[in-house]
Amino acid sequence: MCQLHLFRAFVVAALSLAVLSACAGSGTAEQATEAGTTEAGTTDTVAEVTTDTGPPPITADEKRWVQQLERLANRMEIGLEVKVITDAVKTRFIKTYSTCLRSLKRAGRPGRLEPAARLARRACMIFQRSANLMRETIAMETAGLTSEAEADRFVALSDRAFEAQGNGINAMERARIRAEEISSSLPPE
């Protein structure tokens, strides 16, 4: 009687394993039953039958994209070390910030890092806005501020330009963090 219960348990386990394998599309029921039994007639562990291996490893292109993002983010942070803002400093900011989108495109396709790439594109657009505002302040300053209204407008534009600069730096940092999160969740090559 005890052998009959063991035999039934074996048959139920083998059939369950075969049905699960067939549902997963990993071969026929006979192949799954053969793969799941040993010479003694007992079932092996289920880990041998499953085919889920997780995400593929991070590619060389994805690693390179993360490195390019790091370089770009470091370059965009040039405003953090400046103590005195002159027209020459603003011009340097404008040149740097105007290259952000081009540099990001040159980094290549982000692959699975696309969420970080979207954040980085948004940061580049903010940097571009800052560059445009700085360009306008330089033009106003060059032309000369002849009235209090122009001076007020100049101050307001300058404030908006530097606010956009800070927002761009923060947005680029979010992109950097997101890229690091995604790349660290992927297995290494």
N, C-alpha and C. Protein backbone atom coordinates (compact mmCIF):
# COMPACT_ATOMS: atom_id res chain seq x y z
N MET A 1 0.82 -1.19 0.00
CA MET A 1 0.00 0.00 0.00
C MET A 1 0.86 1.25 0.00
N CYS A 2 1.93 1.26 0.75
CA CYS A 2 2.83 2.42 0.84
C CYS A 2 3.52 2.66 -0.49
N GLN A 3 3.87 1.58 -1.20
CA GLN A 3 4.52 1.72 -2.51
C GLN A 3 3.57 2.35 -3.52
N LEU A 4 2.27 2.05 -3.39
CA LEU A 4 1.28 2.60 -4.29
C LEU A 4 1.17 4.12 -4.11
N HIS A 5 1.23 4.58 -2.88
CA HIS A 5 1.19 6.02 -2.60
C HIS A 5 2.44 6.72 -3.14
N LEU A 6 3.60 6.09 -2.98
CA LEU A 6 4.83 6.65 -3.52
C LEU A 6 4.79 6.73 -5.04
N PHE A 7 4.26 5.66 -5.65
CA PHE A 7 4.17 5.66 -7.11
C PHE A 7 3.23 6.77 -7.58
N ARG A 8 2.09 6.93 -6.92
CA ARG A 8 1.14 8.00 -7.29
C ARG A 8 1.78 9.39 -7.11
N ALA A 9 2.51 9.56 -6.04
CA ALA A 9 3.17 10.85 -5.80
C ALA A 9 4.20 11.12 -6.90
N PHE A 10 4.92 10.07 -7.29
CA PHE A 10 5.89 10.23 -8.37
C PHE A 10 5.20 10.59 -9.67
N VAL A 11 4.12 9.93 -10.00
CA VAL A 11 3.38 10.20 -11.24
C VAL A 11 2.83 11.63 -11.22
N VAL A 12 2.26 12.05 -10.09
CA VAL A 12 1.71 13.40 -9.98
C VAL A 12 2.82 14.45 -10.15
N ALA A 13 3.97 14.22 -9.52
CA ALA A 13 5.09 15.16 -9.63
C ALA A 13 5.61 15.22 -11.07
N ALA A 14 5.73 14.07 -11.70
CA ALA A 14 6.23 14.03 -13.08
C ALA A 14 5.25 14.72 -14.03
N LEU A 15 3.96 14.46 -13.86
CA LEU A 15 2.96 15.09 -14.72
C LEU A 15 2.91 16.60 -14.48
N SER A 16 3.00 17.01 -13.24
CA SER A 16 3.00 18.45 -12.93
C SER A 16 4.20 19.14 -13.58
N LEU A 17 5.33 18.49 -13.47
CA LEU A 17 6.54 19.03 -14.09
C LEU A 17 6.39 19.09 -15.60
N ALA A 18 5.82 18.08 -16.20
CA ALA A 18 5.62 18.06 -17.65
C ALA A 18 4.65 19.15 -18.09
N VAL A 19 3.58 19.34 -17.34
CA VAL A 19 2.60 20.37 -17.68
C VAL A 19 3.22 21.76 -17.55
N LEU A 20 3.96 21.98 -16.48
CA LEU A 20 4.61 23.27 -16.30
C LEU A 20 5.60 23.55 -17.42
N SER A 21 6.36 22.55 -17.82
CA SER A 21 7.33 22.73 -18.90
C SER A 21 6.63 23.00 -20.22
N ALA A 22 5.55 22.29 -20.47
CA ALA A 22 4.82 22.48 -21.72
C ALA A 22 4.19 23.87 -21.76
N CYS A 23 3.68 24.34 -20.61
CA CYS A 23 3.09 25.68 -20.56
C CYS A 23 4.15 26.75 -20.77
N ALA A 24 5.34 26.50 -20.30
CA ALA A 24 6.42 27.48 -20.45
C ALA A 24 7.02 27.44 -21.84
N GLY A 25 6.66 26.42 -22.63
CA GLY A 25 7.15 26.36 -24.00
C GLY A 25 8.58 25.88 -24.09
N SER A 26 9.04 25.10 -23.12
CA SER A 26 10.43 24.65 -23.16
C SER A 26 10.54 23.22 -23.64
N GLY A 27 9.68 22.79 -24.52
CA GLY A 27 9.78 21.45 -25.08
C GLY A 27 8.51 20.67 -24.85
N THR A 28 8.54 19.39 -25.22
CA THR A 28 7.38 18.53 -25.07
C THR A 28 7.28 18.00 -23.66
N ALA A 29 6.14 17.44 -23.34
CA ALA A 29 5.93 16.90 -22.00
C ALA A 29 6.86 15.72 -21.74
N GLU A 30 7.14 14.91 -22.78
CA GLU A 30 8.04 13.76 -22.61
C GLU A 30 9.45 14.23 -22.30
N GLN A 31 9.91 15.29 -23.01
CA GLN A 31 11.25 15.80 -22.75
C GLN A 31 11.35 16.35 -21.33
N ALA A 32 10.30 17.02 -20.87
CA ALA A 32 10.32 17.57 -19.53
C ALA A 32 10.33 16.46 -18.50
N THR A 33 9.56 15.37 -18.74
CA THR A 33 9.52 14.26 -17.80
C THR A 33 10.88 13.57 -17.76
N GLU A 34 11.49 13.36 -18.94
CA GLU A 34 12.80 12.72 -18.98
C GLU A 34 13.86 13.58 -18.30
N ALA A 35 13.81 14.87 -18.50
CA ALA A 35 14.80 15.77 -17.91
C ALA A 35 14.61 15.87 -16.40
N GLY A 36 13.41 15.62 -15.90
CA GLY A 36 13.14 15.81 -14.49
C GLY A 36 13.30 14.55 -13.65
N THR A 37 13.71 13.42 -14.24
CA THR A 37 13.88 12.19 -13.46
C THR A 37 15.32 11.72 -13.52
N THR A 38 15.72 11.00 -12.48
CA THR A 38 17.06 10.41 -12.44
C THR A 38 16.94 8.92 -12.67
N GLU A 39 18.06 8.22 -12.65
CA GLU A 39 18.05 6.77 -12.87
C GLU A 39 17.27 6.05 -11.78
N ALA A 40 17.26 6.56 -10.59
CA ALA A 40 16.57 5.91 -9.49
C ALA A 40 15.07 6.15 -9.56
N GLY A 41 14.61 7.04 -10.44
CA GLY A 41 13.18 7.28 -10.58
C GLY A 41 12.66 8.42 -9.74
N THR A 42 13.53 9.17 -9.09
CA THR A 42 13.08 10.31 -8.30
C THR A 42 13.24 11.58 -9.13
N THR A 43 12.54 12.61 -8.73
CA THR A 43 12.60 13.85 -9.50
C THR A 43 13.79 14.69 -9.05
N ASP A 44 14.39 15.40 -10.02
CA ASP A 44 15.47 16.33 -9.71
C ASP A 44 14.85 17.63 -9.23
N THR A 45 15.68 18.59 -8.87
CA THR A 45 15.17 19.89 -8.44
C THR A 45 14.58 20.64 -9.62
N VAL A 46 13.65 21.51 -9.35
CA VAL A 46 12.99 22.28 -10.39
C VAL A 46 13.94 23.29 -11.01
N ALA A 47 15.00 23.69 -10.31
CA ALA A 47 15.93 24.70 -10.80
C ALA A 47 16.59 24.26 -12.11
N GLU A 48 16.74 22.95 -12.32
CA GLU A 48 17.35 22.47 -13.55
C GLU A 48 16.42 22.64 -14.75
N VAL A 49 15.13 22.62 -14.53
CA VAL A 49 14.17 22.68 -15.62
C VAL A 49 13.86 24.12 -16.02
N THR A 50 13.93 25.05 -15.09
CA THR A 50 13.57 26.43 -15.41
C THR A 50 14.63 27.05 -16.31
N THR A 51 14.20 27.99 -17.17
CA THR A 51 15.11 28.62 -18.11
C THR A 51 15.23 30.12 -17.87
N ASP A 52 14.67 30.66 -16.80
CA ASP A 52 14.74 32.09 -16.52
C ASP A 52 16.12 32.42 -15.98
N THR A 53 16.88 33.22 -16.74
CA THR A 53 18.25 33.56 -16.33
C THR A 53 18.39 35.02 -15.96
N GLY A 54 17.33 35.80 -16.03
CA GLY A 54 17.41 37.21 -15.70
C GLY A 54 17.79 38.04 -16.91
N PRO A 55 18.05 39.33 -16.70
CA PRO A 55 18.39 40.19 -17.84
C PRO A 55 19.78 39.86 -18.38
N PRO A 56 19.98 40.12 -19.66
CA PRO A 56 21.33 39.91 -20.20
C PRO A 56 22.31 40.90 -19.57
N PRO A 57 23.59 40.59 -19.62
CA PRO A 57 24.60 41.48 -19.02
C PRO A 57 24.62 42.84 -19.71
N ILE A 58 25.17 43.81 -19.00
CA ILE A 58 25.31 45.15 -19.57
C ILE A 58 26.28 45.06 -20.75
N THR A 59 25.92 45.72 -21.83
CA THR A 59 26.75 45.66 -23.03
C THR A 59 27.87 46.70 -22.96
N ALA A 60 28.84 46.54 -23.84
CA ALA A 60 29.94 47.51 -23.90
C ALA A 60 29.41 48.88 -24.32
N ASP A 61 28.44 48.90 -25.23
CA ASP A 61 27.85 50.18 -25.66
C ASP A 61 27.13 50.86 -24.51
N GLU A 62 26.43 50.10 -23.69
CA GLU A 62 25.73 50.68 -22.54
C GLU A 62 26.73 51.22 -21.51
N LYS A 63 27.81 50.48 -21.28
CA LYS A 63 28.86 50.96 -20.37
C LYS A 63 29.47 52.26 -20.89
N ARG A 64 29.73 52.28 -22.18
CA ARG A 64 30.32 53.47 -22.80
C ARG A 64 29.36 54.66 -22.68
N TRP A 65 28.05 54.40 -22.84
CA TRP A 65 27.07 55.48 -22.73
C TRP A 65 27.08 56.06 -21.30
N VAL A 66 27.15 55.19 -20.31
CA VAL A 66 27.20 55.66 -18.92
C VAL A 66 28.45 56.50 -18.69
N GLN A 67 29.58 56.07 -19.22
CA GLN A 67 30.82 56.85 -19.07
C GLN A 67 30.70 58.21 -19.75
N GLN A 68 30.10 58.24 -20.93
CA GLN A 68 29.92 59.51 -21.63
C GLN A 68 28.98 60.43 -20.84
N LEU A 69 27.94 59.87 -20.25
CA LEU A 69 27.04 60.67 -19.43
C LEU A 69 27.78 61.25 -18.23
N GLU A 70 28.64 60.47 -17.62
CA GLU A 70 29.44 60.95 -16.49
C GLU A 70 30.30 62.13 -16.91
N ARG A 71 30.99 61.99 -18.05
CA ARG A 71 31.84 63.09 -18.54
C ARG A 71 31.03 64.33 -18.83
N LEU A 72 29.87 64.13 -19.46
CA LEU A 72 29.01 65.26 -19.80
C LEU A 72 28.51 65.96 -18.54
N ALA A 73 28.09 65.17 -17.56
CA ALA A 73 27.59 65.75 -16.31
C ALA A 73 28.70 66.55 -15.61
N ASN A 74 29.89 66.01 -15.60
CA ASN A 74 31.02 66.74 -14.99
C ASN A 74 31.30 68.04 -15.73
N ARG A 75 31.21 68.01 -17.05
CA ARG A 75 31.46 69.22 -17.83
C ARG A 75 30.38 70.27 -17.60
N MET A 76 29.16 69.84 -17.40
CA MET A 76 28.05 70.78 -17.19
C MET A 76 28.10 71.44 -15.82
N GLU A 77 28.87 70.88 -14.91
CA GLU A 77 28.97 71.44 -13.56
C GLU A 77 30.03 72.53 -13.45
N ILE A 78 30.45 73.11 -14.55
CA ILE A 78 31.49 74.14 -14.51
C ILE A 78 31.09 75.35 -13.69
N GLY A 79 29.81 75.60 -13.57
CA GLY A 79 29.35 76.77 -12.84
C GLY A 79 29.50 76.67 -11.34
N LEU A 80 29.76 75.48 -10.83
CA LEU A 80 29.82 75.31 -9.38
C LEU A 80 31.08 75.90 -8.76
N GLU A 81 32.16 75.99 -9.53
CA GLU A 81 33.41 76.48 -8.95
C GLU A 81 33.63 77.97 -9.14
N VAL A 82 32.78 78.63 -9.94
CA VAL A 82 32.98 80.04 -10.27
C VAL A 82 32.47 80.92 -9.13
N LYS A 83 33.32 81.89 -8.72
CA LYS A 83 32.95 82.82 -7.65
C LYS A 83 32.47 84.16 -8.18
N VAL A 84 33.09 84.64 -9.26
CA VAL A 84 32.74 85.93 -9.84
C VAL A 84 32.24 85.71 -11.27
N ILE A 85 31.07 86.26 -11.57
CA ILE A 85 30.46 86.08 -12.88
C ILE A 85 30.77 87.31 -13.74
N THR A 86 31.51 87.09 -14.82
CA THR A 86 31.81 88.14 -15.78
C THR A 86 31.23 87.73 -17.13
N ASP A 87 31.32 88.62 -18.11
CA ASP A 87 30.86 88.26 -19.45
C ASP A 87 31.66 87.09 -20.01
N ALA A 88 32.95 87.05 -19.71
CA ALA A 88 33.79 85.95 -20.19
C ALA A 88 33.32 84.62 -19.58
N VAL A 89 32.96 84.63 -18.31
CA VAL A 89 32.47 83.42 -17.65
C VAL A 89 31.13 83.01 -18.26
N LYS A 90 30.25 83.98 -18.47
CA LYS A 90 28.96 83.67 -19.10
C LYS A 90 29.16 83.09 -20.50
N THR A 91 30.11 83.64 -21.24
CA THR A 91 30.39 83.13 -22.59
C THR A 91 30.87 81.69 -22.53
N ARG A 92 31.69 81.38 -21.55
CA ARG A 92 32.16 79.99 -21.37
C ARG A 92 30.98 79.08 -21.02
N PHE A 93 30.09 79.55 -20.15
CA PHE A 93 28.88 78.78 -19.82
C PHE A 93 28.06 78.53 -21.08
N ILE A 94 27.85 79.58 -21.87
CA ILE A 94 27.04 79.48 -23.08
C ILE A 94 27.62 78.43 -24.02
N LYS A 95 28.93 78.49 -24.25
CA LYS A 95 29.57 77.51 -25.14
C LYS A 95 29.41 76.09 -24.61
N THR A 96 29.60 75.92 -23.33
CA THR A 96 29.50 74.59 -22.72
C THR A 96 28.07 74.09 -22.76
N TYR A 97 27.13 74.91 -22.33
CA TYR A 97 25.74 74.47 -22.24
C TYR A 97 25.12 74.24 -23.62
N SER A 98 25.60 74.98 -24.62
CA SER A 98 25.06 74.82 -25.97
C SER A 98 25.48 73.50 -26.61
N THR A 99 26.50 72.85 -26.08
CA THR A 99 26.96 71.58 -26.65
C THR A 99 26.35 70.36 -25.98
N CYS A 100 25.53 70.56 -24.98
CA CYS A 100 25.03 69.44 -24.18
C CYS A 100 24.27 68.41 -25.03
N LEU A 101 23.28 68.85 -25.78
CA LEU A 101 22.47 67.91 -26.58
C LEU A 101 23.32 67.19 -27.63
N ARG A 102 24.21 67.93 -28.30
CA ARG A 102 25.08 67.30 -29.30
C ARG A 102 25.97 66.24 -28.66
N SER A 103 26.51 66.55 -27.50
CA SER A 103 27.37 65.60 -26.81
C SER A 103 26.59 64.36 -26.40
N LEU A 104 25.36 64.57 -25.96
CA LEU A 104 24.53 63.44 -25.55
C LEU A 104 24.20 62.55 -26.75
N LYS A 105 23.93 63.16 -27.89
CA LYS A 105 23.66 62.37 -29.10
C LYS A 105 24.90 61.60 -29.54
N ARG A 106 26.07 62.22 -29.41
CA ARG A 106 27.32 61.55 -29.78
C ARG A 106 27.63 60.37 -28.87
N ALA A 107 27.05 60.34 -27.70
CA ALA A 107 27.29 59.23 -26.76
C ALA A 107 26.75 57.92 -27.31
N GLY A 108 25.85 57.99 -28.28
CA GLY A 108 25.30 56.77 -28.87
C GLY A 108 23.95 56.42 -28.29
N ARG A 109 23.50 55.24 -28.66
CA ARG A 109 22.20 54.76 -28.18
C ARG A 109 22.34 54.25 -26.75
N PRO A 110 21.42 54.67 -25.88
CA PRO A 110 21.55 54.25 -24.48
C PRO A 110 21.10 52.82 -24.22
N GLY A 111 20.37 52.21 -25.13
CA GLY A 111 19.88 50.85 -24.90
C GLY A 111 18.90 50.82 -23.75
N ARG A 112 19.16 49.97 -22.79
CA ARG A 112 18.26 49.83 -21.63
C ARG A 112 18.36 51.00 -20.66
N LEU A 113 19.25 51.93 -20.93
CA LEU A 113 19.41 53.11 -20.09
C LEU A 113 18.56 54.28 -20.59
N GLU A 114 17.58 54.00 -21.43
CA GLU A 114 16.74 55.04 -22.01
C GLU A 114 16.06 55.93 -20.96
N PRO A 115 15.58 55.40 -19.82
CA PRO A 115 15.01 56.30 -18.81
C PRO A 115 16.00 57.37 -18.34
N ALA A 116 17.26 57.00 -18.19
CA ALA A 116 18.29 57.97 -17.81
C ALA A 116 18.56 58.93 -18.96
N ALA A 117 18.48 58.44 -20.19
CA ALA A 117 18.72 59.30 -21.35
C ALA A 117 17.63 60.36 -21.47
N ARG A 118 16.39 59.99 -21.16
CA ARG A 118 15.31 60.99 -21.18
C ARG A 118 15.57 62.10 -20.16
N LEU A 119 16.00 61.72 -18.97
CA LEU A 119 16.33 62.71 -17.95
C LEU A 119 17.50 63.59 -18.40
N ALA A 120 18.49 62.99 -19.03
CA ALA A 120 19.65 63.75 -19.50
C ALA A 120 19.25 64.72 -20.61
N ARG A 121 18.37 64.30 -21.52
CA ARG A 121 17.89 65.21 -22.58
C ARG A 121 17.15 66.40 -21.98
N ARG A 122 16.34 66.12 -20.97
CA ARG A 122 15.62 67.20 -20.29
C ARG A 122 16.61 68.17 -19.64
N ALA A 123 17.65 67.63 -19.02
CA ALA A 123 18.68 68.48 -18.41
C ALA A 123 19.37 69.33 -19.46
N CYS A 124 19.67 68.75 -20.61
CA CYS A 124 20.32 69.51 -21.69
C CYS A 124 19.43 70.63 -22.19
N MET A 125 18.13 70.38 -22.26
CA MET A 125 17.22 71.44 -22.69
C MET A 125 17.18 72.58 -21.67
N ILE A 126 17.29 72.24 -20.41
CA ILE A 126 17.34 73.27 -19.36
C ILE A 126 18.65 74.07 -19.48
N PHE A 127 19.76 73.36 -19.73
CA PHE A 127 21.03 74.06 -19.93
C PHE A 127 20.96 74.99 -21.15
N GLN A 128 20.30 74.53 -22.20
CA GLN A 128 20.16 75.37 -23.39
C GLN A 128 19.36 76.64 -23.07
N ARG A 129 18.32 76.48 -22.26
CA ARG A 129 17.53 77.66 -21.83
C ARG A 129 18.41 78.63 -21.05
N SER A 130 19.24 78.10 -20.16
CA SER A 130 20.16 78.94 -19.39
C SER A 130 21.12 79.67 -20.32
N ALA A 131 21.65 78.96 -21.31
CA ALA A 131 22.58 79.58 -22.27
C ALA A 131 21.89 80.70 -23.04
N ASN A 132 20.66 80.47 -23.46
CA ASN A 132 19.92 81.50 -24.21
C ASN A 132 19.69 82.75 -23.35
N LEU A 133 19.35 82.54 -22.09
CA LEU A 133 19.13 83.68 -21.19
C LEU A 133 20.43 84.43 -20.93
N MET A 134 21.51 83.69 -20.77
CA MET A 134 22.81 84.33 -20.56
C MET A 134 23.22 85.13 -21.79
N ARG A 135 22.96 84.58 -22.96
CA ARG A 135 23.25 85.28 -24.21
C ARG A 135 22.50 86.61 -24.26
N GLU A 136 21.25 86.57 -23.82
CA GLU A 136 20.43 87.79 -23.82
C GLU A 136 20.97 88.82 -22.81
N THR A 137 21.42 88.36 -21.66
CA THR A 137 21.97 89.30 -20.67
C THR A 137 23.26 89.95 -21.17
N ILE A 138 24.09 89.17 -21.87
CA ILE A 138 25.32 89.73 -22.42
C ILE A 138 24.99 90.79 -23.47
N ALA A 139 23.99 90.51 -24.30
CA ALA A 139 23.60 91.48 -25.33
C ALA A 139 23.06 92.76 -24.68
N MET A 140 22.28 92.62 -23.62
CA MET A 140 21.76 93.80 -22.93
C MET A 140 22.90 94.61 -22.31
N GLU A 141 23.83 93.90 -21.69
CA GLU A 141 24.95 94.57 -21.02
C GLU A 141 25.84 95.28 -22.03
N THR A 142 26.05 94.64 -23.18
CA THR A 142 26.87 95.23 -24.23
C THR A 142 26.22 96.50 -24.79
N ALA A 143 24.90 96.43 -24.96
CA ALA A 143 24.17 97.60 -25.49
C ALA A 143 24.09 98.72 -24.46
N GLY A 144 24.22 98.39 -23.23
CA GLY A 144 24.15 99.40 -22.17
C GLY A 144 22.77 99.46 -21.55
N LEU A 145 22.74 99.52 -20.25
CA LEU A 145 21.47 99.61 -19.52
C LEU A 145 21.19 101.09 -19.26
N THR A 146 20.21 101.62 -19.97
CA THR A 146 19.97 103.07 -19.92
C THR A 146 18.85 103.46 -18.98
N SER A 147 18.08 102.51 -18.51
CA SER A 147 16.96 102.87 -17.62
C SER A 147 16.87 101.86 -16.49
N GLU A 148 16.12 102.25 -15.49
CA GLU A 148 15.91 101.35 -14.36
C GLU A 148 15.12 100.13 -14.80
N ALA A 149 14.20 100.29 -15.73
CA ALA A 149 13.42 99.17 -16.24
C ALA A 149 14.32 98.15 -16.94
N GLU A 150 15.27 98.63 -17.72
CA GLU A 150 16.22 97.73 -18.37
C GLU A 150 17.10 97.02 -17.34
N ALA A 151 17.50 97.75 -16.33
CA ALA A 151 18.32 97.15 -15.27
C ALA A 151 17.52 96.07 -14.54
N ASP A 152 16.25 96.34 -14.27
CA ASP A 152 15.40 95.35 -13.61
C ASP A 152 15.22 94.11 -14.50
N ARG A 153 15.04 94.34 -15.80
CA ARG A 153 14.89 93.23 -16.74
C ARG A 153 16.19 92.43 -16.79
N PHE A 154 17.32 93.11 -16.80
CA PHE A 154 18.63 92.46 -16.81
C PHE A 154 18.79 91.56 -15.58
N VAL A 155 18.44 92.09 -14.42
CA VAL A 155 18.55 91.31 -13.17
C VAL A 155 17.61 90.10 -13.21
N ALA A 156 16.40 90.32 -13.71
CA ALA A 156 15.44 89.21 -13.78
C ALA A 156 15.93 88.12 -14.74
N LEU A 157 16.47 88.52 -15.90
CA LEU A 157 17.01 87.54 -16.85
C LEU A 157 18.21 86.81 -16.26
N SER A 158 19.07 87.55 -15.57
CA SER A 158 20.23 86.91 -14.94
C SER A 158 19.78 85.89 -13.89
N ASP A 159 18.80 86.27 -13.09
CA ASP A 159 18.28 85.34 -12.08
C ASP A 159 17.72 84.08 -12.73
N ARG A 160 16.95 84.27 -13.79
CA ARG A 160 16.37 83.12 -14.49
C ARG A 160 17.44 82.24 -15.12
N ALA A 161 18.49 82.88 -15.65
CA ALA A 161 19.58 82.12 -16.28
C ALA A 161 20.30 81.25 -15.25
N PHE A 162 20.59 81.82 -14.09
CA PHE A 162 21.31 81.05 -13.08
C PHE A 162 20.41 80.05 -12.37
N GLU A 163 19.12 80.36 -12.30
CA GLU A 163 18.17 79.37 -11.78
C GLU A 163 18.10 78.17 -12.73
N ALA A 164 18.04 78.44 -14.03
CA ALA A 164 18.03 77.36 -15.02
C ALA A 164 19.33 76.55 -14.95
N GLN A 165 20.44 77.25 -14.73
CA GLN A 165 21.72 76.56 -14.60
C GLN A 165 21.66 75.56 -13.44
N GLY A 166 21.19 76.01 -12.29
CA GLY A 166 21.07 75.11 -11.13
C GLY A 166 20.09 73.97 -11.39
N ASN A 167 18.97 74.29 -12.03
CA ASN A 167 18.00 73.24 -12.35
C ASN A 167 18.59 72.22 -13.32
N GLY A 168 19.40 72.69 -14.27
CA GLY A 168 20.06 71.78 -15.21
C GLY A 168 21.04 70.86 -14.51
N ILE A 169 21.80 71.43 -13.59
CA ILE A 169 22.77 70.61 -12.83
C ILE A 169 22.03 69.55 -12.02
N ASN A 170 20.93 69.94 -11.37
CA ASN A 170 20.15 68.97 -10.59
C ASN A 170 19.53 67.90 -11.48
N ALA A 171 19.01 68.31 -12.64
CA ALA A 171 18.40 67.35 -13.57
C ALA A 171 19.45 66.37 -14.10
N MET A 172 20.64 66.87 -14.40
CA MET A 172 21.71 66.00 -14.89
C MET A 172 22.15 65.03 -13.80
N GLU A 173 22.14 65.47 -12.56
CA GLU A 173 22.48 64.57 -11.45
C GLU A 173 21.44 63.46 -11.32
N ARG A 174 20.16 63.80 -11.49
CA ARG A 174 19.12 62.76 -11.48
C ARG A 174 19.34 61.75 -12.60
N ALA A 175 19.74 62.23 -13.77
CA ALA A 175 20.03 61.33 -14.90
C ALA A 175 21.21 60.42 -14.57
N ARG A 176 22.24 60.99 -13.95
CA ARG A 176 23.42 60.21 -13.57
C ARG A 176 23.05 59.13 -12.56
N ILE A 177 22.24 59.49 -11.57
CA ILE A 177 21.83 58.53 -10.55
C ILE A 177 20.98 57.42 -11.17
N ARG A 178 20.06 57.81 -12.06
CA ARG A 178 19.19 56.81 -12.72
C ARG A 178 20.03 55.85 -13.56
N ALA A 179 21.01 56.38 -14.27
CA ALA A 179 21.88 55.53 -15.09
C ALA A 179 22.66 54.55 -14.21
N GLU A 180 23.12 55.03 -13.07
CA GLU A 180 23.85 54.16 -12.14
C GLU A 180 22.94 53.08 -11.58
N GLU A 181 21.70 53.44 -11.24
CA GLU A 181 20.74 52.45 -10.73
C GLU A 181 20.49 51.36 -11.76
N ILE A 182 20.25 51.77 -13.00
CA ILE A 182 19.95 50.79 -14.05
C ILE A 182 21.16 49.92 -14.32
N SER A 183 22.33 50.53 -14.48
CA SER A 183 23.51 49.74 -14.81
C SER A 183 23.92 48.81 -13.67
N SER A 184 23.69 49.22 -12.44
CA SER A 184 24.05 48.32 -11.31
C SER A 184 23.04 47.19 -11.16
N SER A 185 21.84 47.34 -11.73
CA SER A 185 20.87 46.25 -11.65
C SER A 185 21.11 45.20 -12.73
N LEU A 186 21.96 45.51 -13.71
CA LEU A 186 22.27 44.58 -14.78
C LEU A 186 23.51 43.77 -14.39
N PRO A 187 23.53 42.48 -14.76
CA PRO A 187 24.73 41.70 -14.45
C PRO A 187 25.92 42.20 -15.25
N PRO A 188 27.13 42.08 -14.70
CA PRO A 188 28.33 42.51 -15.43
C PRO A 188 28.59 41.58 -16.61
N GLU A 189 29.41 42.07 -17.54
CA GLU A 189 29.76 41.27 -18.73
C GLU A 189 30.46 39.99 -18.35
